[in-house]
Amino acid sequence: MKPEVVHRLHRHFEDYVHDAGGVEFWYARDLQVLLGYKEWRNFSKVVEKARESCQNAKHDISDHFVDVNKMVPLGSGSEREIADIMLTRYACYLIAQNGDPRKEEIAFVLPPEEDLKKLERRVRSQEKHLADSTGRLAGNTEGQEGED
């Protein structure tokens, strides 16, 4: 793959990252376009395969795939609600892994084996961070129940 193509695709992927409480995520609808899928119905099949891969790898699907709704503008100036999914970097990788390998965008995302080990370490670290954050939140609300 040409170096300029690699640079362009990497920059575009990182341009779409969002942050929620220190956890980075991407929206599936954005990733759909980045990976060269024109229709949501085709892309959603790949997402479902990725969810299965996540479960098969003994990861909690809800840590990596969070169903959400968001408003999108219509040509008339109004908005409508559509379904979307918040994805971790690991979920994005699983989607690419389950996508059409003939797409140039998919071939770009699949990391070499040594990068896969780094990705797995990052996933474990983010899962620990999520678990710690959830535990702190639960601890903060437990003492508030009988204060009324």
Foldseek 3Di string as FASTA:
>chain_A
DDPVVLVVLVVQVVVQWDDDPNAIWHKQVSLCVSQPHDDPVVLVVLLVQLLVVCVVVVHDSCLAWPKDWDWDADPVRDIDIDIIIIGGLSSSLSSLVSDDCVGPSSVSSNDDPVVVVVVVVVVVVSVVVVVVVVVVVVVVCVVVPPPD
